[in-house]
Protein backbone atom coordinates (compact mmCIF):
# COMPACT_ATOMS: atom_id res chain seq x y z
CA UNK A 1 -0.01 0.01 -0.07
CA UNK A 2 1.41 3.38 -0.98
CA UNK A 3 1.53 6.16 1.74
CA UNK A 4 -0.94 8.37 0.03
CA UNK A 5 -3.32 5.56 -0.16
CA UNK A 6 -2.64 4.71 3.35
CA UNK A 7 -3.30 8.20 4.63
CA UNK A 8 -6.53 8.36 2.76
CA UNK A 9 -7.83 5.03 4.13
CA UNK A 10 -6.68 6.31 7.78
CA UNK A 11 -8.58 9.39 7.45
CA UNK A 12 -11.95 7.82 6.26
CA UNK A 13 -11.76 4.56 8.38
CA UNK A 14 -14.93 4.02 10.51
CA UNK A 15 -15.05 2.59 14.05
CA UNK A 16 -17.46 0.11 15.12
CA UNK A 17 -19.60 1.54 17.80
CA UNK A 18 -20.46 -1.93 19.26
CA UNK A 19 -16.86 -2.98 19.83
CA UNK A 20 -15.37 0.41 20.60
CA UNK A 21 -17.91 2.72 22.36
CA UNK A 22 -17.22 6.40 22.97
CA UNK A 23 -14.56 7.24 25.41
CA UNK A 24 -15.80 8.05 28.99
CA UNK A 25 -14.42 9.59 32.05
CA UNK A 26 -15.37 9.21 35.73
CA UNK A 27 -17.40 11.79 37.42
CA UNK A 28 -16.02 13.55 40.46
CA UNK A 29 -19.28 13.38 42.23
CA UNK A 30 -20.01 9.51 43.02
CA UNK A 31 -17.99 7.85 45.36
CA UNK A 32 -18.45 4.49 43.81
CA UNK A 33 -19.41 3.21 40.41
CA UNK A 34 -19.34 0.19 38.12
CA UNK A 35 -18.84 -0.60 34.53
CA UNK A 36 -15.99 1.84 33.92
CA UNK A 37 -13.98 1.72 30.78
CA UNK A 38 -10.27 2.49 30.18
CA UNK A 39 -9.28 5.66 28.48
CA UNK A 40 -9.33 4.15 24.96
CA UNK A 41 -12.75 2.65 25.46
CA UNK A 42 -11.55 -0.94 24.32
CA UNK A 43 -11.82 -2.50 27.74
CA UNK A 44 -14.77 -2.56 30.38
CA UNK A 45 -13.64 -3.26 33.83
CA UNK A 46 -15.24 -6.26 35.46
CA UNK A 47 -14.79 -4.98 38.96
CA UNK A 48 -18.02 -5.14 41.21
CA UNK A 49 -17.48 -1.55 41.89
CA UNK A 50 -14.91 1.39 41.68
CA UNK A 51 -14.46 3.47 44.97
CA UNK A 52 -13.23 6.88 44.71
CA UNK A 53 -11.46 7.48 48.17
CA UNK A 54 -10.16 10.97 49.07
CA UNK A 55 -7.53 10.11 51.49
CA UNK A 56 -5.14 7.33 52.71
CA UNK A 57 -7.27 6.79 55.87
CA UNK A 58 -10.38 6.36 53.64
CA UNK A 59 -8.48 3.90 51.56
CA UNK A 60 -7.27 1.82 54.40
CA UNK A 61 -10.85 1.36 55.57
CA UNK A 62 -12.00 0.51 52.20
CA UNK A 63 -9.55 -2.39 51.69
CA UNK A 64 -9.37 -4.13 54.99
CA UNK A 65 -11.38 -7.40 54.77
CA UNK A 66 -11.75 -7.45 50.96
CA UNK A 67 -11.13 -10.73 49.34
CA UNK A 68 -10.22 -9.17 46.09
CA UNK A 69 -8.93 -5.60 45.34
CA UNK A 70 -6.97 -3.56 42.86
CA UNK A 71 -5.77 0.06 42.55
CA UNK A 72 -6.95 2.04 39.63
CA UNK A 73 -5.10 5.13 38.20
CA UNK A 74 -6.12 7.22 35.22
CA UNK A 75 -7.35 4.05 33.20
CA UNK A 76 -4.74 4.52 30.44
CA UNK A 77 -3.75 0.77 30.33
CA UNK A 78 -5.01 -1.17 27.30
CA UNK A 79 -5.39 -4.45 29.20
CA UNK A 80 -6.81 -5.87 32.45
CA UNK A 81 -3.81 -5.18 34.61
CA UNK A 82 -5.89 -2.88 36.92
CA UNK A 83 -9.13 -5.09 36.91
CA UNK A 84 -10.38 -7.39 39.60
CA UNK A 85 -13.28 -9.56 40.29
CA UNK A 86 -13.71 -7.63 43.62
CA UNK A 87 -13.28 -3.82 44.35
CA UNK A 88 -11.16 -1.18 42.49
CA UNK A 89 -10.05 1.56 44.57
CA UNK A 90 -9.38 4.63 42.54
CA UNK A 91 -6.32 6.87 43.35
CA UNK A 92 -7.86 9.65 41.47
CA UNK A 93 -8.29 12.16 44.37
CA UNK A 94 -4.91 11.42 45.83
CA UNK A 95 -3.75 14.05 43.59
CA UNK A 96 -2.00 16.58 45.89
CA UNK A 97 1.53 17.87 46.13
CA UNK A 98 2.32 17.02 49.86
CA UNK A 99 5.81 18.62 50.28
CA UNK A 100 8.41 20.36 48.05
CA UNK A 101 11.69 19.90 49.60
CA UNK A 102 14.18 22.38 47.75
CA UNK A 103 17.07 21.49 49.91
CA UNK A 104 16.79 17.73 49.26
CA UNK A 105 15.62 18.39 45.75
CA UNK A 106 12.62 16.13 46.04
CA UNK A 107 8.72 16.43 45.92
CA UNK A 108 6.26 14.37 47.74
CA UNK A 109 2.97 13.64 46.03
CA UNK A 110 -0.23 11.64 46.23
CA UNK A 111 0.09 8.63 43.83
CA UNK A 112 -2.98 9.70 41.90
CA UNK A 113 -1.54 13.10 40.69
CA UNK A 114 -1.19 13.53 36.93
CA UNK A 115 2.25 14.30 35.45
CA UNK A 116 0.68 17.49 33.67
CA UNK A 117 -0.60 18.77 36.91
CA UNK A 118 2.67 18.25 38.71
CA UNK A 119 4.76 19.67 35.91
CA UNK A 120 2.87 22.93 36.06
CA UNK A 121 3.31 23.00 39.87
CA UNK A 122 6.99 22.41 39.71
CA UNK A 123 7.62 24.76 36.71
CA UNK A 124 5.87 27.50 38.47
CA UNK A 125 8.47 27.13 41.28
CA UNK A 126 11.47 26.70 39.17
CA UNK A 127 11.82 22.87 39.28
CA UNK A 128 11.51 20.11 36.90
CA UNK A 129 11.46 16.34 36.68
CA UNK A 130 13.85 14.37 34.56
CA UNK A 131 11.68 13.33 31.75
CA UNK A 132 7.93 12.79 30.90
CA UNK A 133 5.93 10.32 28.83
CA UNK A 134 4.33 11.13 25.52
CA UNK A 135 1.06 11.90 27.39
CA UNK A 136 0.92 14.17 30.49
CA UNK A 137 -2.61 12.98 31.34
CA UNK A 138 -1.42 9.82 33.28
CA UNK A 139 -0.94 9.39 37.00
CA UNK A 140 2.45 9.18 38.82
CA UNK A 141 1.58 5.91 40.55
CA UNK A 142 0.06 4.01 37.58
CA UNK A 143 2.77 5.20 35.24
CA UNK A 144 5.77 3.92 37.53
CA UNK A 145 3.98 0.79 38.40
CA UNK A 146 4.04 -0.22 34.75
CA UNK A 147 7.48 1.16 33.80
CA UNK A 148 6.05 3.85 31.68
CA UNK A 149 8.54 6.03 29.99
CA UNK A 150 9.67 9.00 27.96
CA UNK A 151 12.71 8.92 25.60
CA UNK A 152 16.47 9.76 25.76
CA UNK A 153 19.53 7.53 25.74
CA UNK A 154 20.49 8.72 29.23
CA UNK A 155 16.93 8.96 30.59
CA UNK A 156 15.57 6.15 32.60
CA UNK A 157 11.76 5.42 32.79
CA UNK A 158 9.61 7.45 35.06
CA UNK A 159 10.11 5.26 37.92
CA UNK A 160 13.77 6.10 37.97
CA UNK A 161 12.86 9.37 39.62
CA UNK A 162 11.27 7.56 42.81
CA UNK A 163 13.43 8.06 45.87
CA UNK A 164 10.68 6.50 48.34
CA UNK A 165 7.13 5.62 48.53
CA UNK A 166 4.51 4.76 51.08
CA UNK A 167 2.96 1.18 50.71
CA UNK A 168 -0.52 0.33 52.05
CA UNK A 169 -0.55 -3.27 52.09
CA UNK A 170 -3.95 -5.37 52.07
CA UNK A 171 -4.00 -5.76 55.80
CA UNK A 172 -4.24 -2.03 56.25
CA UNK A 173 -0.84 -1.32 57.37
CA UNK A 174 1.42 1.37 55.82
CA UNK A 175 5.27 1.65 55.73
CA UNK A 176 7.76 3.98 54.13
CA UNK A 177 9.86 2.26 51.50
CA UNK A 178 13.21 3.51 50.22
CA UNK A 179 16.48 2.18 48.94
CA UNK A 180 18.42 2.63 52.06
CA UNK A 181 16.18 1.00 54.55
CA UNK A 182 14.38 -1.66 52.27
CA UNK A 183 16.45 -1.96 49.02
CA UNK A 184 14.56 -5.23 47.94
CA UNK A 185 11.04 -4.09 48.46
CA UNK A 186 12.06 -0.72 46.94
CA UNK A 187 13.48 -2.24 43.80
CA UNK A 188 10.48 -4.67 43.57
CA UNK A 189 7.88 -1.99 44.36
CA UNK A 190 8.69 0.87 42.02
CA UNK A 191 7.57 -1.27 39.10
CA UNK A 192 5.10 -3.59 41.01
CA UNK A 193 2.38 -4.11 38.43
CA UNK A 194 0.04 -3.39 41.43
CA UNK A 195 0.84 -6.81 42.87
CA UNK A 196 2.34 -5.93 46.26
CA UNK A 197 -0.01 -3.24 47.64
CA UNK A 198 -1.43 0.26 47.17
CA UNK A 199 1.25 2.92 46.57
CA UNK A 200 -0.37 6.03 48.20
CA UNK A 201 2.60 8.67 48.41
CA UNK A 202 5.61 8.85 46.14
CA UNK A 203 8.82 11.00 46.58
CA UNK A 204 10.39 12.01 43.37
CA UNK A 205 13.69 13.52 42.69
CA UNK A 206 13.63 17.01 40.96
CA UNK A 207 16.04 19.23 39.29
CA UNK A 208 16.21 23.09 38.48
CA UNK A 209 13.70 23.81 35.70
CA UNK A 210 14.83 24.08 32.03
CA UNK A 211 13.49 25.14 28.60
CA UNK A 212 13.07 22.75 25.56
CA UNK A 213 12.94 23.27 21.99
CA UNK A 214 11.46 20.74 19.62
CA UNK A 215 12.35 20.18 16.04
CA UNK A 216 10.81 17.78 13.63
CA UNK A 217 12.55 16.23 10.52
CA UNK A 218 10.70 14.08 7.82
CA UNK A 219 11.55 11.11 5.78
CA UNK A 220 14.59 9.65 7.38
CA UNK A 221 15.69 6.40 5.38
CA UNK A 222 15.79 3.35 7.74
CA UNK A 223 19.07 2.41 6.15
CA UNK A 224 20.41 5.54 7.91
CA UNK A 225 19.73 3.64 11.26
CA UNK A 226 22.22 0.82 10.59
CA UNK A 227 25.33 2.89 11.19
CA UNK A 228 24.05 6.08 12.88
CA UNK A 229 21.20 4.76 15.37
CA UNK A 230 23.19 5.95 18.46
CA UNK A 231 24.12 9.16 16.99
CA UNK A 232 20.54 10.00 15.77
CA UNK A 233 19.01 8.90 19.24
CA UNK A 234 21.72 11.21 20.95
CA UNK A 235 20.89 14.34 18.90
CA UNK A 236 18.66 15.72 21.49
CA UNK A 237 17.68 15.40 25.22
CA UNK A 238 14.70 13.24 24.11
CA UNK A 239 14.28 11.74 20.58
CA UNK A 240 11.46 9.72 18.97
CA UNK A 241 10.94 8.10 15.59
CA UNK A 242 7.67 7.59 13.92
CA UNK A 243 7.05 5.19 11.17
CA UNK A 244 3.99 3.72 9.18
CA UNK A 245 6.08 0.75 7.88
CA UNK A 246 5.21 1.58 4.27
CA UNK A 247 8.33 2.16 2.42
CA UNK A 248 11.50 1.76 4.68
CA UNK A 249 11.31 5.26 5.83
CA UNK A 250 11.14 6.88 9.24
CA UNK A 251 8.27 9.33 8.54
CA UNK A 252 8.99 11.70 11.41
CA UNK A 253 12.01 12.29 13.83
CA UNK A 254 11.20 14.39 16.83
CA UNK A 255 14.21 15.95 18.63
CA UNK A 256 13.60 17.72 21.89
CA UNK A 257 16.67 19.56 23.15
CA UNK A 258 17.41 21.70 26.16
CA UNK A 259 17.81 25.29 25.07
CA UNK A 260 21.45 26.16 24.62
CA UNK A 261 22.83 22.67 25.06
CA UNK A 262 23.04 21.55 21.28
CA UNK A 263 24.34 23.10 18.04
CA UNK A 264 22.08 23.83 15.28
CA UNK A 265 20.75 20.62 13.67
CA UNK A 266 21.02 21.92 10.14
CA UNK A 267 19.03 21.38 6.89
CA UNK A 268 20.06 17.81 6.32
CA UNK A 269 19.68 15.16 9.18
CA UNK A 270 21.15 11.89 8.11
CA UNK A 271 18.99 12.11 4.86
CA UNK A 272 15.86 13.68 6.48
CA UNK A 273 14.70 17.25 6.09
CA UNK A 274 13.22 19.74 8.50
CA UNK A 275 9.40 19.76 8.76
CA UNK A 276 7.88 23.23 7.50
CA UNK A 277 5.06 23.33 10.01
CA UNK A 278 3.82 21.65 13.29
CA UNK A 279 2.84 17.89 12.67
CA UNK A 280 0.93 15.38 14.58
CA UNK A 281 2.61 11.72 14.62
CA UNK A 282 -0.35 10.54 12.76
CA UNK A 283 0.06 13.06 9.95
CA UNK A 284 -3.72 13.23 9.09
CA UNK A 285 -4.56 14.28 12.59
CA UNK A 286 -4.43 18.12 13.53
CA UNK A 287 -1.41 19.03 15.05
CA UNK A 288 -3.19 21.45 17.41
CA UNK A 289 -3.31 18.44 20.16
CA UNK A 290 0.60 18.36 19.97
CA UNK A 291 3.10 20.42 21.76
CA UNK A 292 4.70 23.28 19.93
CA UNK A 293 7.49 22.40 17.45
CA UNK A 294 9.67 24.48 14.93
CA UNK A 295 12.20 25.20 17.43
CA UNK A 296 9.95 27.53 19.57
CA UNK A 297 11.40 27.32 23.13
CA UNK A 298 9.16 26.56 25.93
CA UNK A 299 8.92 24.94 29.52
CA UNK A 300 10.20 21.47 29.88
CA UNK A 301 6.59 20.29 30.83
CA UNK A 302 5.10 21.68 27.48
CA UNK A 303 7.92 20.16 25.32
CA UNK A 304 8.86 16.64 26.60
CA UNK A 305 5.45 15.24 26.10
CA UNK A 306 4.12 15.02 22.51
CA UNK A 307 0.66 15.96 23.46
CA UNK A 308 -0.90 18.83 25.28
CA UNK A 309 -2.53 18.28 28.75
CA UNK A 310 -5.97 19.83 27.78
CA UNK A 311 -6.39 18.23 24.42
CA UNK A 312 -7.11 14.70 23.11
CA UNK A 313 -3.80 12.84 23.07
CA UNK A 314 -2.66 10.28 20.44
CA UNK A 315 -5.67 9.31 18.37
CA UNK A 316 -8.22 8.42 21.01
CA UNK A 317 -9.81 5.44 19.72
CA UNK A 318 -6.90 2.92 19.53
CA UNK A 319 -5.11 -0.07 20.85
CA UNK A 320 -1.53 -0.07 21.85
CA UNK A 321 1.43 -2.68 22.09
CA UNK A 322 5.11 -2.04 22.94
CA UNK A 323 8.10 -4.19 22.96
CA UNK A 324 11.52 -3.55 24.68
CA UNK A 325 14.73 -4.75 23.13
CA UNK A 326 18.49 -4.23 23.90
CA UNK A 327 19.62 -0.97 22.40
CA UNK A 328 22.67 -2.83 20.81
CA UNK A 329 20.14 -4.69 18.70
CA UNK A 330 18.00 -1.76 17.76
CA UNK A 331 18.56 -1.88 13.88
CA UNK A 332 18.18 -5.63 13.70
CA UNK A 333 14.92 -5.42 15.70
CA UNK A 334 13.64 -2.74 13.68
CA UNK A 335 14.28 -4.49 10.38
CA UNK A 336 12.81 -7.72 11.84
CA UNK A 337 9.54 -5.82 12.32
CA UNK A 338 9.85 -4.18 9.03
CA UNK A 339 9.71 -7.60 7.40
CA UNK A 340 6.14 -7.86 8.63
CA UNK A 341 5.21 -4.49 7.09
CA UNK A 342 2.50 -5.83 4.69
CA UNK A 343 0.51 -7.17 7.68
CA UNK A 344 1.18 -4.45 10.09
CA UNK A 345 0.69 -1.05 7.91
CA UNK A 346 -2.98 -1.75 7.01
CA UNK A 347 -4.09 -2.00 10.76
CA UNK A 348 -1.78 0.59 12.16
CA UNK A 349 -1.95 4.34 13.05
CA UNK A 350 1.85 4.79 13.65
CA UNK A 351 4.80 3.18 15.34
CA UNK A 352 7.11 5.12 17.78
CA UNK A 353 10.65 4.18 18.51
CA UNK A 354 12.38 5.47 21.64
CA UNK A 355 15.41 4.77 23.84
CA UNK A 356 15.29 4.25 27.59
CA UNK A 357 18.22 3.92 30.11
CA UNK A 358 18.77 0.76 32.10
CA UNK A 359 17.58 0.72 35.75
CA UNK A 360 17.67 -1.70 38.64
CA UNK A 361 13.86 -2.33 39.04
CA UNK A 362 13.13 -6.07 39.10
CA UNK A 363 10.09 -6.05 36.90
CA UNK A 364 11.22 -2.98 34.70
CA UNK A 365 11.19 -3.48 30.99
CA UNK A 366 14.59 -1.91 31.01
CA UNK A 367 15.99 -3.96 33.97
CA UNK A 368 19.69 -3.88 33.66
CA UNK A 369 19.46 -3.33 29.95
CA UNK A 370 19.89 -0.14 27.82
CA UNK A 371 16.76 -0.50 25.80
CA UNK A 372 14.80 0.41 22.70
CA UNK A 373 11.15 0.49 22.61
CA UNK A 374 9.14 -0.33 19.51
CA UNK A 375 5.59 1.07 20.17
CA UNK A 376 2.43 0.37 18.06
CA UNK A 377 -0.50 2.50 18.08
CA UNK A 378 -3.05 0.30 16.41
CA UNK A 379 -6.39 1.03 14.87
CA UNK A 380 -9.30 -0.30 16.91
CA UNK A 381 -9.25 -3.66 15.11
CA UNK A 382 -8.70 -6.07 18.01
CA UNK A 383 -9.17 -9.31 16.04
CA UNK A 384 -6.54 -8.35 13.35
CA UNK A 385 -4.14 -6.91 16.06
CA UNK A 386 -4.39 -10.06 18.04
CA UNK A 387 -3.63 -12.08 15.00
CA UNK A 388 -0.39 -10.16 14.07
CA UNK A 389 0.98 -9.75 17.51
CA UNK A 390 2.36 -13.39 17.79
CA UNK A 391 4.24 -12.87 14.50
CA UNK A 392 5.83 -9.61 15.87
CA UNK A 393 6.60 -11.32 19.16
CA UNK A 394 8.33 -14.27 17.27
CA UNK A 395 10.22 -11.84 15.10
CA UNK A 396 11.58 -10.30 18.16
CA UNK A 397 12.16 -13.54 20.13
CA UNK A 398 16.00 -13.48 19.35
CA UNK A 399 16.05 -10.26 21.26
CA UNK A 400 14.19 -11.42 24.33
CA UNK A 401 11.61 -8.52 23.84
CA UNK A 402 9.93 -7.64 26.97
CA UNK A 403 6.26 -6.17 26.57
CA UNK A 404 4.97 -3.14 28.15
CA UNK A 405 3.01 -4.39 31.14
CA UNK A 406 0.10 -2.05 30.50
CA UNK A 407 -0.47 -2.71 26.80
CA UNK A 408 -1.51 -5.66 24.58
CA UNK A 409 0.71 -8.66 24.02
CA UNK A 410 0.32 -12.37 23.70
CA UNK A 411 3.53 -13.79 25.23
CA UNK A 412 2.74 -16.66 27.60
CA UNK A 413 3.74 -16.52 31.30
CA UNK A 414 6.61 -18.99 31.12
CA UNK A 415 8.45 -16.88 28.53
CA UNK A 416 7.90 -13.67 30.40
CA UNK A 417 9.13 -15.20 33.59
CA UNK A 418 12.26 -16.34 31.86
CA UNK A 419 13.12 -12.66 30.72
CA UNK A 420 13.35 -11.31 34.44
CA UNK A 421 16.17 -12.18 36.35
CA UNK A 422 14.68 -11.31 39.59
CA UNK A 423 11.18 -12.70 39.07
CA UNK A 424 11.33 -15.65 41.71
CA UNK A 425 12.42 -12.92 44.26
CA UNK A 426 9.59 -10.75 43.14
CA UNK A 427 7.16 -13.58 43.76
CA UNK A 428 8.38 -14.16 47.16
CA UNK A 429 7.74 -10.66 48.09
CA UNK A 430 4.16 -11.01 46.55
CA UNK A 431 3.54 -14.05 48.74
CA UNK A 432 4.82 -12.17 51.81
CA UNK A 433 2.75 -8.98 51.42
CA UNK A 434 -0.27 -10.53 49.82
CA UNK A 435 -0.42 -14.09 51.18
CA UNK A 436 -4.01 -14.46 50.42
CA UNK A 437 -3.86 -13.18 46.85
CA UNK A 438 -6.28 -10.34 47.35
CA UNK A 439 -4.38 -8.33 44.67
CA UNK A 440 -4.12 -11.29 42.34
CA UNK A 441 -6.39 -11.04 39.30
CA UNK A 442 -6.86 -12.49 35.81
CA UNK A 443 -3.84 -10.55 34.39
CA UNK A 444 -1.29 -11.69 36.80
CA UNK A 445 -2.43 -15.27 36.35
CA UNK A 446 -2.35 -15.27 32.71
CA UNK A 447 0.83 -13.27 32.24
CA UNK A 448 2.95 -14.30 35.24
CA UNK A 449 1.26 -17.21 36.73
CA UNK A 450 0.69 -15.19 39.97
């Protein structure tokens, strides 16, 4: 399929209302509700009800004695990781900044606060986080629990900013966890998949605020990645590729640089040329939803995400998958996916490729591995997506790809367990802090045999 044909098809494709109903959001008024959907509308939670607590004390009272329970953040996962046969406890209203410690360079927040809200708070006071994901709409607690990330060869995922957290266990007890006093629980709990307890408060490292400028280049030949991948990915503080897998071309390269830290990029970028106007990663979509480009400087929290806080991010009605491979295998992995382009392109909105630094969190997709994430934003065509995912996973098998915990994948539990060196240690902590399996759900059973 030619690119022009693909774009026209994308612009006119209809979405089945019966399979993918309109997006909905939670009301602030009710304290409990049932039948919620996730952000994209592709999944309806099966929980008996969802309670919207407004304090840690209320959360404690809500969970004690429950046979099944699960924390729910901003509903941005595309699978059932946050679902339960019992009661969901929403952290939506645990959204306050609790302490800004400028001497220590940390901020203590409720786990339900959104990155967009926190970013504005910090920027107004001269501070910043090390990085942000493409969407500022997501909560700190949920993002860290699933190893959600931004981009940058030197930037770890969002959980790498954690300096400590308060853990509420299913028996109603709370404890403070940090790497000095409880290193094992800290390294298991920062990316916990919601399996160890309810994280209610999180302390994050901050740094002095900075300005960012964003440049976009178009039509980078994939062949340029073979010998220049690291150089291209190091061209800015945060760099992302976007492709439709149509013609061995990276359609867009987004380069986000700290103002004053890089030289002019020039008119030729490894064969790519500068965009002449702001773009959306899905080019037929309006760039009004995207953060400003064309090198216009702006606050870090208004440039590091791809999408603005008050606008619909990405496409909206969509499915997502993402696989992490060692950075040293980036080009080979990208070309292994490219070999499936004829099956991928017709059901895809866009693929994004990003770098994430290694970390030491036991269940992190970048655990002790400099990583590249190959992300798929799919059209809402569940049957077709589920058919092609095993082929993508097989193509990436040689690289021991790790799927994003909050997105759609089909890898079996035994395969996933083999790709995490500290998995058995994680299981031991799960059994210690949740001996009755209150936090166990269909997702953990299916994906990890927990």
